[in-house]
Amino acid sequence: MRGIMIIRGCLLLAVLLLSGSGSFAQTGNAQSGNPLDNLMRSGTLPVEFKVNMYRTRLAGAGLFIGNITVMNTMIKIGGRDEPALLIKPNLIGLGPGAHAFHIHEYPDCGPKERNGVMVPGLAAGAHLFAEHKEGSEMVTYTSHLGTLPNLIVRADGSATEAVIAPRLALADSINRSIIVHDSQDDNSGRYACGVFK
């Protein structure tokens, strides 16, 4: 946590210096006017974050199973360069095969009640959704912005294969959580969780 605060402070200072000199190049998604947010969306930002991942359980965080490194990168889509989120897992203790893998809306891996039953990891909320403002109304699309490609787990229970999320950036991940599900079914149990803040 302290490391992320230091990095944020350094990034803010870099933004102020660069934007003041007029040499800060805008890249990627539509700009919000917030220099720190704009920097956190840059596909060339040379910063990475490590998210510690823990088994979910009713009593809160369980066994540590590794970490996930998250950073911005650049990819080509239809011949044009676009920023994207690069996600590199280094996990152990998972069931072999494909697992659903998402960025969820809240930075909380704890349990929460649903239909009178406590559910591990439910406090992370729903998948991060795409939203758009039309006039005075906010429209939430059925598209799950936080849905990532499946996490592939080897026979020994380890996962190290990187995935790319084309429409996401570090700016979208801060104060969120990352969930690994029990299986490739998006609605399966929340096996592991890490908080990104």
Protein backbone atom coordinates (compact mmCIF):
# COMPACT_ATOMS: atom_id res chain seq x y z
CA MET A 1 0.00 0.00 0.00
CA ARG A 2 2.77 2.43 0.95
CA GLY A 3 4.63 1.58 -2.28
CA ILE A 4 1.58 2.42 -4.39
CA MET A 5 1.15 5.75 -2.56
CA ILE A 6 4.80 6.63 -3.30
CA ILE A 7 4.37 5.67 -6.96
CA ARG A 8 1.19 7.77 -7.21
CA GLY A 9 3.05 10.74 -5.72
CA CYS A 10 5.89 10.33 -8.22
CA LEU A 11 3.41 9.98 -11.09
CA LEU A 12 1.57 13.14 -10.04
CA LEU A 13 4.84 15.06 -9.89
CA ALA A 14 5.81 13.74 -13.35
CA VAL A 15 2.42 14.77 -14.75
CA LEU A 16 2.70 18.26 -13.34
CA LEU A 17 6.21 18.70 -14.72
CA LEU A 18 5.39 17.26 -18.13
CA SER A 19 2.05 19.01 -18.58
CA GLY A 20 3.61 22.33 -17.55
CA SER A 21 6.28 22.01 -20.24
CA GLY A 22 3.74 21.15 -22.93
CA SER A 23 5.60 17.95 -23.82
CA PHE A 24 3.08 15.45 -22.39
CA ALA A 25 1.62 13.46 -25.28
CA GLN A 26 -1.95 12.28 -24.86
CA THR A 27 -2.55 8.65 -25.88
CA GLY A 28 -5.37 6.16 -25.72
CA ASN A 29 -8.91 6.64 -24.45
CA ALA A 30 -10.80 9.91 -24.39
CA GLN A 31 -9.10 12.23 -21.94
CA SER A 32 -10.89 13.20 -18.74
CA GLY A 33 -8.96 16.41 -18.11
CA ASN A 34 -7.40 14.90 -14.96
CA PRO A 35 -3.61 14.74 -15.59
CA LEU A 36 -3.04 11.78 -13.21
CA ASP A 37 -5.91 9.82 -14.76
CA ASN A 38 -4.59 10.61 -18.25
CA LEU A 39 -1.13 9.38 -17.28
CA MET A 40 -2.57 6.18 -15.76
CA ARG A 41 -4.21 5.50 -19.16
CA SER A 42 -1.00 5.93 -21.16
CA GLY A 43 0.07 2.77 -22.95
CA THR A 44 3.70 3.77 -22.51
CA LEU A 45 3.59 4.31 -18.74
CA PRO A 46 6.66 2.44 -17.36
CA VAL A 47 5.03 1.45 -14.06
CA GLU A 48 3.70 -1.90 -12.88
CA PHE A 49 1.68 -2.91 -9.82
CA LYS A 50 1.67 -6.24 -8.01
CA VAL A 51 -1.65 -7.43 -6.60
CA ASN A 52 -1.36 -10.09 -3.88
CA MET A 53 -3.91 -12.85 -4.34
CA TYR A 54 -5.54 -14.84 -1.50
CA ARG A 55 -8.05 -17.68 -1.30
CA THR A 56 -11.49 -16.34 -0.43
CA ARG A 57 -13.22 -17.64 2.68
CA LEU A 58 -16.02 -16.66 5.04
CA ALA A 59 -13.55 -15.36 7.63
CA GLY A 60 -11.88 -13.01 5.10
CA ALA A 61 -8.55 -13.42 3.31
CA GLY A 62 -7.26 -16.97 3.27
CA LEU A 63 -4.09 -18.65 2.00
CA PHE A 64 -1.73 -16.52 -0.13
CA ILE A 65 -1.52 -18.07 -3.63
CA GLY A 66 0.80 -15.62 -5.40
CA ASN A 67 0.46 -12.31 -7.17
CA ILE A 68 -0.63 -10.71 -10.40
CA THR A 69 1.46 -7.99 -12.06
CA VAL A 70 -0.58 -5.35 -13.89
CA MET A 71 0.74 -2.69 -16.25
CA ASN A 72 -0.25 -0.62 -19.26
CA THR A 73 1.02 -1.62 -22.69
CA MET A 74 0.40 -0.87 -26.37
CA ILE A 75 -1.23 -3.27 -28.85
CA LYS A 76 -2.30 -3.06 -32.50
CA ILE A 77 -6.01 -3.21 -33.34
CA GLY A 78 -6.98 -2.87 -37.01
CA GLY A 79 -3.55 -1.43 -37.84
CA ARG A 80 -3.67 1.30 -35.18
CA ASP A 81 -1.83 1.48 -31.86
CA GLU A 82 -4.08 1.31 -28.80
CA PRO A 83 -3.30 1.23 -25.07
CA ALA A 84 -4.29 -1.93 -23.16
CA LEU A 85 -3.79 -3.61 -19.81
CA LEU A 86 -1.19 -6.39 -19.54
CA ILE A 87 -1.93 -8.86 -16.73
CA LYS A 88 0.77 -11.36 -15.73
CA PRO A 89 -0.26 -13.96 -13.13
CA ASN A 90 2.18 -15.87 -10.95
CA LEU A 91 -0.22 -18.12 -9.05
CA ILE A 92 -0.20 -21.60 -7.49
CA GLY A 93 -2.76 -23.91 -5.90
CA LEU A 94 -5.50 -23.56 -8.53
CA GLY A 95 -7.49 -26.35 -10.16
CA PRO A 96 -6.13 -27.25 -13.64
CA GLY A 97 -7.95 -25.86 -16.68
CA ALA A 98 -9.59 -22.56 -17.59
CA HIS A 99 -10.85 -20.19 -14.89
CA ALA A 100 -13.04 -17.12 -15.35
CA PHE A 101 -11.03 -14.05 -14.42
CA HIS A 102 -12.43 -10.55 -13.84
CA ILE A 103 -11.88 -7.07 -12.49
CA HIS A 104 -14.68 -6.39 -10.01
CA GLU A 105 -16.08 -3.06 -8.96
CA TYR A 106 -15.04 -2.77 -5.26
CA PRO A 107 -11.67 -3.07 -3.48
CA ASP A 108 -12.98 -5.63 -0.98
CA CYS A 109 -12.36 -9.39 -1.01
CA GLY A 110 -14.47 -10.13 2.05
CA PRO A 111 -17.68 -12.15 2.30
CA LYS A 112 -21.15 -10.66 1.85
CA GLU A 113 -24.68 -11.94 2.35
CA ARG A 114 -26.80 -13.04 -0.62
CA ASN A 115 -30.27 -14.52 -0.10
CA GLY A 116 -29.55 -15.02 3.60
CA VAL A 117 -26.27 -16.88 2.98
CA MET A 118 -22.75 -15.48 3.42
CA VAL A 119 -20.71 -15.87 0.21
CA PRO A 120 -16.88 -15.65 0.15
CA GLY A 121 -15.54 -12.81 -2.03
CA LEU A 122 -18.97 -11.33 -2.75
CA ALA A 123 -18.02 -7.93 -1.24
CA ALA A 124 -15.98 -7.34 -4.43
CA GLY A 125 -19.30 -6.59 -6.14
CA ALA A 126 -20.13 -7.21 -9.78
CA HIS A 127 -17.85 -7.23 -12.80
CA LEU A 128 -16.68 -3.80 -13.87
CA PHE A 129 -19.23 -2.61 -16.45
CA ALA A 130 -18.93 -0.15 -19.31
CA GLU A 131 -20.98 3.01 -18.70
CA HIS A 132 -21.90 5.97 -20.88
CA LYS A 133 -23.66 9.24 -20.14
CA GLU A 134 -26.51 10.14 -22.50
CA GLY A 135 -27.96 13.51 -21.64
CA SER A 136 -28.65 13.47 -17.90
CA GLU A 137 -28.78 9.67 -17.61
CA MET A 138 -25.99 7.18 -16.99
CA VAL A 139 -26.43 4.05 -19.12
CA THR A 140 -24.72 0.83 -17.99
CA TYR A 141 -24.20 -1.50 -20.91
CA THR A 142 -24.53 -5.25 -20.74
CA SER A 143 -20.87 -5.41 -21.83
CA HIS A 144 -18.65 -6.45 -18.92
CA LEU A 145 -15.63 -4.19 -19.28
CA GLY A 146 -13.82 -6.09 -16.52
CA THR A 147 -14.20 -9.52 -18.09
CA LEU A 148 -10.71 -10.78 -18.91
CA PRO A 149 -9.64 -13.72 -21.07
CA ASN A 150 -9.74 -17.00 -19.12
CA LEU A 151 -6.88 -17.70 -16.77
CA ILE A 152 -5.21 -20.93 -17.94
CA VAL A 153 -3.97 -23.17 -15.13
CA ARG A 154 -1.48 -25.96 -15.81
CA ALA A 155 -1.76 -29.51 -14.46
CA ASP A 156 0.46 -28.60 -11.49
CA GLY A 157 -1.99 -25.87 -10.40
CA SER A 158 0.18 -22.93 -11.50
CA ALA A 159 -0.82 -20.05 -13.75
CA THR A 160 1.77 -17.80 -15.40
CA GLU A 161 0.31 -17.12 -18.87
CA ALA A 162 -0.16 -13.37 -19.43
CA VAL A 163 -3.44 -11.96 -20.77
CA ILE A 164 -4.26 -8.65 -22.49
CA ALA A 165 -7.36 -6.57 -21.77
CA PRO A 166 -7.75 -4.18 -24.74
CA ARG A 167 -10.21 -1.64 -23.30
CA LEU A 168 -8.70 -1.33 -19.83
CA ALA A 169 -5.87 0.67 -18.25
CA LEU A 170 -4.34 1.05 -14.81
CA ALA A 171 -6.71 3.98 -14.25
CA ASP A 172 -9.67 1.56 -14.49
CA SER A 173 -8.16 -0.91 -12.03
CA ILE A 174 -7.29 1.27 -9.04
CA ASN A 175 -9.68 0.76 -6.11
CA ARG A 176 -11.01 -2.43 -7.69
CA SER A 177 -10.43 -6.12 -7.05
CA ILE A 178 -9.35 -9.02 -9.23
CA ILE A 179 -11.28 -12.29 -8.87
CA VAL A 180 -10.32 -15.78 -10.05
CA HIS A 181 -13.38 -18.03 -10.23
CA ASP A 182 -13.63 -21.76 -9.46
CA SER A 183 -14.11 -22.63 -13.14
CA GLN A 184 -14.54 -20.98 -16.54
CA ASP A 185 -18.18 -20.28 -15.66
CA ASP A 186 -18.47 -16.55 -14.86
CA ASN A 187 -21.01 -17.38 -12.14
CA SER A 188 -18.92 -20.04 -10.41
CA GLY A 189 -17.58 -19.48 -6.90
CA ARG A 190 -15.01 -16.78 -6.23
CA TYR A 191 -11.92 -18.88 -5.57
CA ALA A 192 -9.31 -16.15 -5.06
CA CYS A 193 -9.24 -12.38 -4.80
CA GLY A 194 -6.77 -9.51 -4.65
CA VAL A 195 -7.34 -5.81 -3.97
CA PHE A 196 -5.86 -3.20 -6.28
CA LYS A 197 -5.39 0.07 -4.36
